[in-house]
Amino acid sequence: MNGSNRRMSTLAALRPYIERARDFSGWSHDHLAILRLDPAPPWDYEALARAEVSNAERVLDLGTGGGEVLSRVIGGTSARCIATEEWVVNAPVARDRLAPMGVDVVRCDSLRLPLRRATFDLVLDRHEALNPAEVARVLRPGGSVITQQVGPDNWPELRMFFPRKTHFGDHFSAYQRGFIEAGLTIDDARWHEERVAYPELGDVVYLLLVAPWDVPDFDPAAEIDALLALEDALRDDRGIVLTETRYLIRAHRPD
């Protein structure tokens, strides 16, 4: 297949993924058939959060997305919960899912919380940027925070094809320093890297479109040559292989 025909056929194959990204809301990618090539993280964020929620009276979930994870974490508990979500598309999705569970959804920037100090026993945060001082401010004495974050240079292999790919700086260290400076004690801080395989180029395109901060102004049609080069370089018989990074931090405010 010559270059022009390959571009055209690839763009045609990508079209359903692009359309799905345009209609995206919530924060669930369960439809992706991701193959793990290395062991998963040695922690289970949802299990850790569920255990802490069972002992909490008031819980705050930062950047709840469509409320998918929080709804699983708080099911069957009596804790009073508030969730934040800034994106105008996701806030009503979260409200529809969480309101029947008694959860109030506040549309706000998670870095500047319109909430009173010393209000919560537990702050949860899965993949939402946070302000350590704000988290510490809203925690009661003895309260805890659990956050799982995407590493600052997730999918580093993409930078070869998209040099403008964002590097977010060492927030793993910055968050720990921030918590300590705000008077919290770090209980756990762990980092994990693993290789995963995405069966189709469209899976990668879809995720770059729904997370536009990774490669700013990403345009599959305009950058089809870079995508084809990526596929040629990174695909093996398992799919397109990329390195994912995650980390976990747990901290508490001393009594």
C-alpha atoms as a PDB file:
ATOM      1  CA  MET A   1       0.000   0.000   0.000  1.00  0.00           C
ATOM      2  CA  ASN A   2       1.473   3.351  -0.992  1.00  0.00           C
ATOM      3  CA  GLY A   3       1.764   6.241   1.467  1.00  0.00           C
ATOM      4  CA  SER A   4      -1.301   8.132   0.272  1.00  0.00           C
ATOM      5  CA  ASN A   5      -3.549   5.072   0.369  1.00  0.00           C
ATOM      6  CA  ARG A   6      -2.292   4.114   3.809  1.00  0.00           C
ATOM      7  CA  ARG A   7      -3.040   7.592   5.150  1.00  0.00           C
ATOM      8  CA  MET A   8      -6.559   7.490   3.748  1.00  0.00           C
ATOM      9  CA  SER A   9      -7.332   3.989   5.014  1.00  0.00           C
ATOM     10  CA  THR A  10      -5.909   4.752   8.461  1.00  0.00           C
ATOM     11  CA  LEU A  11      -7.943   7.944   8.791  1.00  0.00           C
ATOM     12  CA  ALA A  12     -11.061   6.003   7.809  1.00  0.00           C
ATOM     13  CA  ALA A  13     -10.284   3.408  10.486  1.00  0.00           C
ATOM     14  CA  LEU A  14      -9.730   6.159  13.070  1.00  0.00           C
ATOM     15  CA  ARG A  15     -13.030   7.910  12.379  1.00  0.00           C
ATOM     16  CA  PRO A  16     -15.147   5.850  14.864  1.00  0.00           C
ATOM     17  CA  TYR A  17     -12.617   6.516  17.624  1.00  0.00           C
ATOM     18  CA  ILE A  18     -12.622  10.233  16.864  1.00  0.00           C
ATOM     19  CA  GLU A  19     -16.426  10.313  16.951  1.00  0.00           C
ATOM     20  CA  ARG A  20     -16.492   8.441  20.243  1.00  0.00           C
ATOM     21  CA  ALA A  21     -14.051  10.955  21.723  1.00  0.00           C
ATOM     22  CA  ARG A  22     -16.299  13.844  20.631  1.00  0.00           C
ATOM     23  CA  ASP A  23     -19.204  12.279  22.533  1.00  0.00           C
ATOM     24  CA  PHE A  24     -17.122  11.453  25.614  1.00  0.00           C
ATOM     25  CA  SER A  25     -18.407  12.209  29.114  1.00  0.00           C
ATOM     26  CA  GLY A  26     -17.875  10.707  32.523  1.00  0.00           C
ATOM     27  CA  TRP A  27     -14.479   9.145  33.092  1.00  0.00           C
ATOM     28  CA  SER A  28     -14.675   5.482  32.191  1.00  0.00           C
ATOM     29  CA  HIS A  29     -12.649   3.709  29.511  1.00  0.00           C
ATOM     30  CA  ASP A  30     -13.931   0.206  30.166  1.00  0.00           C
ATOM     31  CA  HIS A  31     -14.498  -0.351  26.453  1.00  0.00           C
ATOM     32  CA  LEU A  32     -10.733  -0.359  25.818  1.00  0.00           C
ATOM     33  CA  ALA A  33      -9.203  -3.846  25.633  1.00  0.00           C
ATOM     34  CA  ILE A  34      -5.887  -2.972  27.247  1.00  0.00           C
ATOM     35  CA  LEU A  35      -3.389  -5.815  27.644  1.00  0.00           C
ATOM     36  CA  ARG A  36      -1.118  -5.581  30.685  1.00  0.00           C
ATOM     37  CA  LEU A  37       2.388  -6.794  29.906  1.00  0.00           C
ATOM     38  CA  ASP A  38       3.794  -6.250  33.400  1.00  0.00           C
ATOM     39  CA  PRO A  39       2.366  -6.683  36.904  1.00  0.00           C
ATOM     40  CA  ALA A  40      -0.326  -4.193  37.907  1.00  0.00           C
ATOM     41  CA  PRO A  41       0.359  -1.651  40.688  1.00  0.00           C
ATOM     42  CA  PRO A  42       0.880  -3.366  44.054  1.00  0.00           C
ATOM     43  CA  TRP A  43      -2.028  -1.412  45.521  1.00  0.00           C
ATOM     44  CA  ASP A  44      -5.746  -1.256  44.812  1.00  0.00           C
ATOM     45  CA  TYR A  45      -6.939   2.342  45.050  1.00  0.00           C
ATOM     46  CA  GLU A  46     -10.625   1.448  45.251  1.00  0.00           C
ATOM     47  CA  ALA A  47     -10.064  -1.134  47.980  1.00  0.00           C
ATOM     48  CA  LEU A  48      -7.967   1.312  50.014  1.00  0.00           C
ATOM     49  CA  ALA A  49     -10.554   4.054  49.591  1.00  0.00           C
ATOM     50  CA  ARG A  50     -13.425   1.734  50.493  1.00  0.00           C
ATOM     51  CA  ALA A  51     -11.697   0.661  53.700  1.00  0.00           C
ATOM     52  CA  GLU A  52     -11.122   4.277  54.742  1.00  0.00           C
ATOM     53  CA  VAL A  53     -14.666   5.353  53.836  1.00  0.00           C
ATOM     54  CA  SER A  54     -16.090   2.673  56.113  1.00  0.00           C
ATOM     55  CA  ASN A  55     -14.550   4.506  59.090  1.00  0.00           C
ATOM     56  CA  ALA A  56     -15.310   8.079  57.976  1.00  0.00           C
ATOM     57  CA  GLU A  57     -18.225  10.378  58.736  1.00  0.00           C
ATOM     58  CA  ARG A  58     -17.562  13.024  56.079  1.00  0.00           C
ATOM     59  CA  VAL A  59     -15.774  12.328  52.785  1.00  0.00           C
ATOM     60  CA  LEU A  60     -14.611  14.639  49.982  1.00  0.00           C
ATOM     61  CA  ASP A  61     -13.883  13.271  46.504  1.00  0.00           C
ATOM     62  CA  LEU A  62     -11.871  15.599  44.265  1.00  0.00           C
ATOM     63  CA  GLY A  63     -12.495  15.610  40.504  1.00  0.00           C
ATOM     64  CA  THR A  64     -15.059  12.835  40.589  1.00  0.00           C
ATOM     65  CA  GLY A  65     -15.488  12.731  36.784  1.00  0.00           C
ATOM     66  CA  GLY A  66     -18.846  11.078  36.192  1.00  0.00           C
ATOM     67  CA  GLY A  67     -18.836   9.648  39.724  1.00  0.00           C
ATOM     68  CA  GLU A  68     -18.031   6.164  38.445  1.00  0.00           C
ATOM     69  CA  VAL A  69     -15.307   5.286  40.974  1.00  0.00           C
ATOM     70  CA  LEU A  70     -16.889   7.096  43.914  1.00  0.00           C
ATOM     71  CA  SER A  71     -20.194   5.283  43.428  1.00  0.00           C
ATOM     72  CA  ARG A  72     -18.378   1.962  43.804  1.00  0.00           C
ATOM     73  CA  VAL A  73     -16.318   3.136  46.783  1.00  0.00           C
ATOM     74  CA  ILE A  74     -19.152   4.511  48.941  1.00  0.00           C
ATOM     75  CA  GLY A  75     -21.817   1.920  48.161  1.00  0.00           C
ATOM     76  CA  GLY A  76     -23.342   0.595  51.385  1.00  0.00           C
ATOM     77  CA  THR A  77     -21.631   3.105  53.685  1.00  0.00           C
ATOM     78  CA  SER A  78     -23.256   5.768  55.862  1.00  0.00           C
ATOM     79  CA  ALA A  79     -20.606   8.440  55.275  1.00  0.00           C
ATOM     80  CA  ARG A  80     -21.786  11.878  54.175  1.00  0.00           C
ATOM     81  CA  CYS A  81     -19.972  12.659  50.937  1.00  0.00           C
ATOM     82  CA  ILE A  82     -19.323  15.713  48.786  1.00  0.00           C
ATOM     83  CA  ALA A  83     -17.703  15.456  45.341  1.00  0.00           C
ATOM     84  CA  THR A  84     -16.151  18.179  43.202  1.00  0.00           C
ATOM     85  CA  GLU A  85     -16.172  18.289  39.408  1.00  0.00           C
ATOM     86  CA  GLU A  86     -15.183  21.330  37.349  1.00  0.00           C
ATOM     87  CA  TRP A  87     -15.971  20.199  33.796  1.00  0.00           C
ATOM     88  CA  VAL A  88     -19.405  21.442  32.758  1.00  0.00           C
ATOM     89  CA  VAL A  89     -20.048  18.231  30.795  1.00  0.00           C
ATOM     90  CA  ASN A  90     -19.267  15.885  33.671  1.00  0.00           C
ATOM     91  CA  ALA A  91     -20.826  17.739  36.604  1.00  0.00           C
ATOM     92  CA  PRO A  92     -24.430  16.826  35.634  1.00  0.00           C
ATOM     93  CA  VAL A  93     -23.362  13.258  34.819  1.00  0.00           C
ATOM     94  CA  ALA A  94     -21.907  12.965  38.318  1.00  0.00           C
ATOM     95  CA  ARG A  95     -25.011  14.509  39.894  1.00  0.00           C
ATOM     96  CA  ASP A  96     -27.302  12.050  38.136  1.00  0.00           C
ATOM     97  CA  ARG A  97     -25.215   9.096  39.270  1.00  0.00           C
ATOM     98  CA  LEU A  98     -24.449  10.241  42.819  1.00  0.00           C
ATOM     99  CA  ALA A  99     -27.562  12.122  43.945  1.00  0.00           C
ATOM    100  CA  PRO A 100     -29.511   8.894  44.627  1.00  0.00           C
ATOM    101  CA  MET A 101     -26.666   7.928  46.972  1.00  0.00           C
ATOM    102  CA  GLY A 102     -26.983  11.200  48.905  1.00  0.00           C
ATOM    103  CA  VAL A 103     -23.818  12.746  47.462  1.00  0.00           C
ATOM    104  CA  ASP A 104     -23.721  16.484  46.735  1.00  0.00           C
ATOM    105  CA  VAL A 105     -21.688  17.478  43.662  1.00  0.00           C
ATOM    106  CA  VAL A 106     -20.037  20.906  43.763  1.00  0.00           C
ATOM    107  CA  ARG A 107     -18.867  22.370  40.466  1.00  0.00           C
ATOM    108  CA  CYS A 108     -15.560  24.027  41.318  1.00  0.00           C
ATOM    109  CA  ASP A 109     -11.832  24.033  40.760  1.00  0.00           C
ATOM    110  CA  SER A 110     -10.321  21.390  43.030  1.00  0.00           C
ATOM    111  CA  LEU A 111      -7.286  23.618  43.609  1.00  0.00           C
ATOM    112  CA  ARG A 112      -9.466  26.285  45.319  1.00  0.00           C
ATOM    113  CA  LEU A 113     -12.124  24.566  47.366  1.00  0.00           C
ATOM    114  CA  PRO A 114     -15.195  26.584  48.441  1.00  0.00           C
ATOM    115  CA  LEU A 115     -15.434  24.464  51.594  1.00  0.00           C
ATOM    116  CA  ARG A 116     -14.898  25.177  55.268  1.00  0.00           C
ATOM    117  CA  ARG A 117     -11.725  24.178  57.034  1.00  0.00           C
ATOM    118  CA  ALA A 118     -11.520  21.042  59.168  1.00  0.00           C
ATOM    119  CA  THR A 119     -14.671  19.543  57.632  1.00  0.00           C
ATOM    120  CA  PHE A 120     -13.690  16.081  56.331  1.00  0.00           C
ATOM    121  CA  ASP A 121     -12.337  12.880  57.822  1.00  0.00           C
ATOM    122  CA  LEU A 122     -11.184  11.676  54.414  1.00  0.00           C
ATOM    123  CA  VAL A 123     -10.199  13.272  51.112  1.00  0.00           C
ATOM    124  CA  LEU A 124     -10.095  11.015  48.054  1.00  0.00           C
ATOM    125  CA  ASP A 125      -8.437  11.933  44.781  1.00  0.00           C
ATOM    126  CA  ARG A 126      -8.030   9.685  41.774  1.00  0.00           C
ATOM    127  CA  HIS A 127      -6.168  11.390  38.914  1.00  0.00           C
ATOM    128  CA  GLU A 128      -7.216  14.961  39.777  1.00  0.00           C
ATOM    129  CA  ALA A 129      -4.674  17.759  40.281  1.00  0.00           C
ATOM    130  CA  LEU A 130      -4.656  18.864  43.905  1.00  0.00           C
ATOM    131  CA  ASN A 131      -3.398  21.633  46.140  1.00  0.00           C
ATOM    132  CA  PRO A 132      -1.790  20.055  49.225  1.00  0.00           C
ATOM    133  CA  ALA A 133      -2.467  23.137  51.356  1.00  0.00           C
ATOM    134  CA  GLU A 134      -6.164  23.089  50.411  1.00  0.00           C
ATOM    135  CA  VAL A 135      -6.434  19.381  51.171  1.00  0.00           C
ATOM    136  CA  ALA A 136      -4.807  19.943  54.557  1.00  0.00           C
ATOM    137  CA  ARG A 137      -7.093  22.918  55.253  1.00  0.00           C
ATOM    138  CA  VAL A 138     -10.319  20.930  54.838  1.00  0.00           C
ATOM    139  CA  LEU A 139      -9.111  17.868  56.785  1.00  0.00           C
ATOM    140  CA  ARG A 140     -10.116  17.425  60.402  1.00  0.00           C
ATOM    141  CA  PRO A 141      -7.419  16.480  62.953  1.00  0.00           C
ATOM    142  CA  GLY A 142      -6.837  12.774  62.461  1.00  0.00           C
ATOM    143  CA  GLY A 143      -8.234  12.937  58.915  1.00  0.00           C
ATOM    144  CA  SER A 144      -6.558  11.274  55.941  1.00  0.00           C
ATOM    145  CA  VAL A 145      -6.002  11.792  52.221  1.00  0.00           C
ATOM    146  CA  ILE A 146      -5.528   9.059  49.625  1.00  0.00           C
ATOM    147  CA  THR A 147      -4.539  10.022  46.103  1.00  0.00           C
ATOM    148  CA  GLN A 148      -3.614   7.975  43.064  1.00  0.00           C
ATOM    149  CA  GLN A 149      -2.134  10.002  40.234  1.00  0.00           C
ATOM    150  CA  VAL A 150      -0.895   9.489  36.689  1.00  0.00           C
ATOM    151  CA  GLY A 151       2.851  10.035  36.598  1.00  0.00           C
ATOM    152  CA  PRO A 152       4.232  13.286  35.194  1.00  0.00           C
ATOM    153  CA  ASP A 153       5.543  11.674  32.004  1.00  0.00           C
ATOM    154  CA  ASN A 154       3.049   8.942  31.215  1.00  0.00           C
ATOM    155  CA  TRP A 155       3.574   7.309  27.793  1.00  0.00           C
ATOM    156  CA  PRO A 156       7.078   8.804  27.348  1.00  0.00           C
ATOM    157  CA  GLU A 157       7.464   6.927  24.042  1.00  0.00           C
ATOM    158  CA  LEU A 158       5.118   9.424  22.393  1.00  0.00           C
ATOM    159  CA  ARG A 159       7.570  12.315  22.724  1.00  0.00           C
ATOM    160  CA  MET A 160       9.620  10.935  19.828  1.00  0.00           C
ATOM    161  CA  PHE A 161       6.617  11.530  17.556  1.00  0.00           C
ATOM    162  CA  PHE A 162       5.053  14.512  19.352  1.00  0.00           C
ATOM    163  CA  PRO A 163       7.914  16.630  20.776  1.00  0.00           C
ATOM    164  CA  ARG A 164       5.412  19.033  22.360  1.00  0.00           C
ATOM    165  CA  LYS A 165       4.057  16.269  24.613  1.00  0.00           C
ATOM    166  CA  THR A 166       3.609  17.767  28.049  1.00  0.00           C
ATOM    167  CA  HIS A 167       5.882  16.874  30.943  1.00  0.00           C
ATOM    168  CA  PHE A 168       4.069  17.902  34.111  1.00  0.00           C
ATOM    169  CA  GLY A 169       7.079  18.110  36.425  1.00  0.00           C
ATOM    170  CA  ASP A 170       7.782  15.982  39.468  1.00  0.00           C
ATOM    171  CA  HIS A 171       4.442  16.321  41.251  1.00  0.00           C
ATOM    172  CA  PHE A 172       5.071  13.008  43.027  1.00  0.00           C
ATOM    173  CA  SER A 173       7.727  14.777  45.098  1.00  0.00           C
ATOM    174  CA  ALA A 174       5.967  18.146  45.053  1.00  0.00           C
ATOM    175  CA  TYR A 175       2.762  16.761  46.557  1.00  0.00           C
ATOM    176  CA  GLN A 176       4.664  15.016  49.323  1.00  0.00           C
ATOM    177  CA  ARG A 177       6.571  18.201  50.157  1.00  0.00           C
ATOM    178  CA  GLY A 178       3.347  20.175  50.055  1.00  0.00           C
ATOM    179  CA  PHE A 179       1.567  17.828  52.442  1.00  0.00           C
ATOM    180  CA  ILE A 180       4.466  17.925  54.894  1.00  0.00           C
ATOM    181  CA  GLU A 181       4.686  21.732  54.714  1.00  0.00           C
ATOM    182  CA  ALA A 182       0.934  21.890  55.409  1.00  0.00           C
ATOM    183  CA  GLY A 183       1.343  19.828  58.576  1.00  0.00           C
ATOM    184  CA  LEU A 184       0.425  16.361  57.321  1.00  0.00           C
ATOM    185  CA  THR A 185       2.352  13.139  57.897  1.00  0.00           C
ATOM    186  CA  ILE A 186       3.134  10.913  54.897  1.00  0.00           C
ATOM    187  CA  ASP A 187       2.051   7.338  55.561  1.00  0.00           C
ATOM    188  CA  ASP A 188       2.751   5.781  52.161  1.00  0.00           C
ATOM    189  CA  ALA A 189       4.247   6.929  48.858  1.00  0.00           C
ATOM    190  CA  ARG A 190       4.724   4.424  46.050  1.00  0.00           C
ATOM    191  CA  TRP A 191       5.528   4.634  42.350  1.00  0.00           C
ATOM    192  CA  HIS A 192       4.787   2.050  39.662  1.00  0.00           C
ATOM    193  CA  GLU A 193       5.603   1.678  35.970  1.00  0.00           C
ATOM    194  CA  GLU A 194       4.245  -0.958  33.644  1.00  0.00           C
ATOM    195  CA  ARG A 195       4.076  -1.680  29.945  1.00  0.00           C
ATOM    196  CA  VAL A 196       0.653  -2.035  28.392  1.00  0.00           C
ATOM    197  CA  ALA A 197      -0.450  -2.833  24.848  1.00  0.00           C
ATOM    198  CA  TYR A 198      -3.314  -1.095  23.037  1.00  0.00           C
ATOM    199  CA  PRO A 199      -4.749  -3.312  20.284  1.00  0.00           C
ATOM    200  CA  GLU A 200      -5.478  -0.490  17.836  1.00  0.00           C
ATOM    201  CA  LEU A 201      -3.977   2.852  16.914  1.00  0.00           C
ATOM    202  CA  GLY A 202      -7.484   4.219  17.368  1.00  0.00           C
ATOM    203  CA  ASP A 203      -7.327   3.423  21.100  1.00  0.00           C
ATOM    204  CA  VAL A 204      -4.314   5.709  21.470  1.00  0.00           C
ATOM    205  CA  VAL A 205      -5.923   8.428  19.339  1.00  0.00           C
ATOM    206  CA  TYR A 206      -9.106   8.261  21.417  1.00  0.00           C
ATOM    207  CA  LEU A 207      -7.216   8.701  24.687  1.00  0.00           C
ATOM    208  CA  LEU A 208      -5.164  11.600  23.344  1.00  0.00           C
ATOM    209  CA  LEU A 209      -8.385  13.329  22.286  1.00  0.00           C
ATOM    210  CA  VAL A 210     -10.193  12.898  25.607  1.00  0.00           C
ATOM    211  CA  ALA A 211      -7.069  13.980  27.558  1.00  0.00           C
ATOM    212  CA  PRO A 212      -6.007  17.013  25.476  1.00  0.00           C
ATOM    213  CA  TRP A 213      -3.468  18.149  28.057  1.00  0.00           C
ATOM    214  CA  ASP A 214      -1.084  15.313  27.083  1.00  0.00           C
ATOM    215  CA  VAL A 215      -0.411  16.477  23.515  1.00  0.00           C
ATOM    216  CA  PRO A 216      -1.861  19.994  23.198  1.00  0.00           C
ATOM    217  CA  ASP A 217      -3.791  20.739  19.998  1.00  0.00           C
ATOM    218  CA  PHE A 218      -3.594  17.121  18.887  1.00  0.00           C
ATOM    219  CA  ASP A 219      -5.206  16.673  15.453  1.00  0.00           C
ATOM    220  CA  PRO A 220      -5.252  13.117  14.059  1.00  0.00           C
ATOM    221  CA  ALA A 221      -5.821  14.216  10.456  1.00  0.00           C
ATOM    222  CA  ALA A 222      -3.092  16.845  10.451  1.00  0.00           C
ATOM    223  CA  GLU A 223      -0.663  14.525  12.237  1.00  0.00           C
ATOM    224  CA  ILE A 224      -1.398  11.293  10.429  1.00  0.00           C
ATOM    225  CA  ASP A 225       2.244  10.850   9.402  1.00  0.00           C
ATOM    226  CA  ALA A 226       3.372  11.051  13.028  1.00  0.00           C
ATOM    227  CA  LEU A 227       0.690   8.514  13.990  1.00  0.00           C
ATOM    228  CA  LEU A 228       1.791   6.109  11.272  1.00  0.00           C
ATOM    229  CA  ALA A 229       5.414   6.457  12.369  1.00  0.00           C
ATOM    230  CA  LEU A 230       4.316   5.787  15.952  1.00  0.00           C
ATOM    231  CA  GLU A 231       2.477   2.661  14.886  1.00  0.00           C
ATOM    232  CA  ASP A 232       5.427   1.378  12.870  1.00  0.00           C
ATOM    233  CA  ALA A 233       7.835   1.917  15.750  1.00  0.00           C
ATOM    234  CA  LEU A 234       5.754   0.801  18.740  1.00  0.00           C
ATOM    235  CA  ARG A 235       3.484  -1.974  17.459  1.00  0.00           C
ATOM    236  CA  ASP A 236       4.325  -5.609  17.977  1.00  0.00           C
ATOM    237  CA  ASP A 237       2.154  -8.719  17.858  1.00  0.00           C
ATOM    238  CA  ARG A 238       0.435  -7.648  21.103  1.00  0.00           C
ATOM    239  CA  GLY A 239      -0.469  -4.122  20.018  1.00  0.00           C
ATOM    240  CA  ILE A 240       0.996  -0.649  20.481  1.00  0.00           C
ATOM    241  CA  VAL A 241       3.225  -0.886  23.553  1.00  0.00           C
ATOM    242  CA  LEU A 242       3.475   2.107  25.884  1.00  0.00           C
ATOM    243  CA  THR A 243       4.758   2.694  29.406  1.00  0.00           C
ATOM    244  CA  GLU A 244       2.215   3.853  31.961  1.00  0.00           C
ATOM    245  CA  THR A 245       3.134   5.387  35.323  1.00  0.00           C
ATOM    246  CA  ARG A 246       1.007   5.650  38.446  1.00  0.00           C
ATOM    247  CA  TYR A 247       1.726   6.599  42.022  1.00  0.00           C
ATOM    248  CA  LEU A 248      -0.053   6.489  45.359  1.00  0.00           C
ATOM    249  CA  ILE A 249       0.292   8.858  48.305  1.00  0.00           C
ATOM    250  CA  ARG A 250      -1.438   8.453  51.681  1.00  0.00           C
ATOM    251  CA  ALA A 251      -1.108  11.071  54.391  1.00  0.00           C
ATOM    252  CA  HIS A 252      -2.929  12.186  57.535  1.00  0.00           C
ATOM    253  CA  ARG A 253      -3.335  15.214  59.770  1.00  0.00           C
ATOM    254  CA  PRO A 254      -2.099  14.386  63.270  1.00  0.00           C
ATOM    255  CA  ASP A 255      -4.652  14.677  66.089  1.00  0.00           C
END
